[in-house]
């Protein structure tokens, strides 16, 4: 491997780092939403899978027990996190593909 090849490789690595930072910024600003119970419980997470908000329809409090509500909230959060993680994986795959990795 010659000096020119090494310079190209380091340049490519710097570009990849810049792209990763840009992707991380984009993902952090993205929102992923999932709902359960026919829309009675909604969870929203960001691109880093952090919970941003949980919205509970007030009508559910008359219909569901606390245990059932807890299960719906957990399921909505897990689904929203799954969507966020899938988006992260897709972005990473696109970045790697663009670099020929």
Protein backbone atom coordinates (compact mmCIF):
# COMPACT_ATOMS: atom_id res chain seq x y z
CA UNK A 1 0.00 0.00 0.00
CA UNK A 2 1.55 3.26 -1.13
CA UNK A 3 1.48 6.67 0.49
CA UNK A 4 -1.18 7.86 -1.94
CA UNK A 5 -3.40 4.92 -1.03
CA UNK A 6 -3.00 5.69 2.68
CA UNK A 7 -3.92 9.34 2.10
CA UNK A 8 -7.02 8.26 0.18
CA UNK A 9 -7.98 5.86 2.95
CA UNK A 10 -7.62 8.54 5.65
CA UNK A 11 -9.57 11.00 3.53
CA UNK A 12 -12.32 8.43 3.12
CA UNK A 13 -12.34 7.83 6.89
CA UNK A 14 -12.68 11.58 7.57
CA UNK A 15 -15.56 11.79 5.12
CA UNK A 16 -17.23 8.84 6.80
CA UNK A 17 -16.89 10.50 10.21
CA UNK A 18 -18.46 13.70 8.87
CA UNK A 19 -21.30 11.74 7.31
CA UNK A 20 -21.89 9.79 10.54
CA UNK A 21 -22.13 13.03 12.54
CA UNK A 22 -24.59 14.41 10.01
CA UNK A 23 -26.66 11.23 10.14
CA UNK A 24 -26.66 11.28 13.95
CA UNK A 25 -27.95 14.87 13.89
CA UNK A 26 -30.67 13.92 11.42
CA UNK A 27 -31.71 10.89 13.44
CA UNK A 28 -31.81 12.87 16.69
CA UNK A 29 -34.32 15.25 15.11
CA UNK A 30 -36.50 12.46 13.68
CA UNK A 31 -39.57 11.21 15.50
CA UNK A 32 -41.06 7.72 15.40
CA UNK A 33 -44.59 7.07 16.55
CA UNK A 34 -46.42 3.89 17.45
CA UNK A 35 -49.85 3.33 18.87
CA UNK A 36 -51.69 0.46 20.52
CA UNK A 37 -55.19 -0.21 21.72
CA UNK A 38 -56.72 1.21 18.57
CA UNK A 39 -54.97 4.54 19.08
CA UNK A 40 -55.73 4.84 22.79
CA UNK A 41 -52.03 4.85 23.70
CA UNK A 42 -49.36 6.48 21.57
CA UNK A 43 -45.58 6.54 22.16
CA UNK A 44 -43.17 8.87 20.41
CA UNK A 45 -39.40 8.32 20.42
CA UNK A 46 -36.53 10.14 18.75
CA UNK A 47 -33.99 8.65 16.38
CA UNK A 48 -31.84 7.62 19.31
CA UNK A 49 -34.77 5.60 20.73
CA UNK A 50 -35.34 8.03 23.62
CA UNK A 51 -38.95 8.44 24.69
CA UNK A 52 -40.13 11.92 23.68
CA UNK A 53 -43.79 11.65 24.64
CA UNK A 54 -46.51 9.25 25.66
CA UNK A 55 -50.07 10.23 24.84
CA UNK A 56 -52.97 8.45 26.52
CA UNK A 57 -56.54 9.00 25.39
CA UNK A 58 -58.50 10.11 28.48
CA UNK A 59 -61.33 7.74 27.53
CA UNK A 60 -59.12 4.74 28.28
CA UNK A 61 -59.12 5.48 31.98
CA UNK A 62 -62.79 4.55 32.13
CA UNK A 63 -62.30 1.37 30.12
CA UNK A 64 -58.99 -0.15 31.13
CA UNK A 65 -57.39 -1.20 34.38
CA UNK A 66 -54.00 0.22 35.36
CA UNK A 67 -52.35 -3.11 34.51
CA UNK A 68 -53.80 -3.17 31.00
CA UNK A 69 -52.81 0.47 30.48
CA UNK A 70 -49.26 -0.32 31.56
CA UNK A 71 -49.05 -3.14 28.99
CA UNK A 72 -50.33 -0.88 26.21
CA UNK A 73 -47.82 1.85 27.07
CA UNK A 74 -44.96 -0.64 27.14
CA UNK A 75 -45.99 -2.12 23.80
CA UNK A 76 -46.27 1.31 22.15
CA UNK A 77 -42.84 2.37 23.45
CA UNK A 78 -41.23 -0.86 22.29
CA UNK A 79 -42.72 -0.49 18.80
CA UNK A 80 -41.56 3.14 18.50
CA UNK A 81 -38.06 2.16 19.67
CA UNK A 82 -38.00 -0.67 17.13
CA UNK A 83 -38.84 1.77 14.34
CA UNK A 84 -36.11 4.16 15.47
CA UNK A 85 -33.51 1.39 15.59
CA UNK A 86 -34.51 0.19 12.12
CA UNK A 87 -34.00 3.71 10.76
CA UNK A 88 -30.55 3.89 12.37
CA UNK A 89 -29.59 0.54 10.85
CA UNK A 90 -30.83 1.64 7.42
CA UNK A 91 -28.83 4.88 7.57
CA UNK A 92 -25.68 3.02 8.63
CA UNK A 93 -26.16 0.52 5.81
CA UNK A 94 -26.54 3.34 3.27
CA UNK A 95 -23.39 5.01 4.58
CA UNK A 96 -21.39 1.80 4.40
CA UNK A 97 -22.69 1.11 0.89
CA UNK A 98 -21.67 4.59 -0.24
CA UNK A 99 -18.14 3.91 0.93
CA UNK A 100 -17.94 0.56 -0.81
CA UNK A 101 -17.72 -1.37 2.45
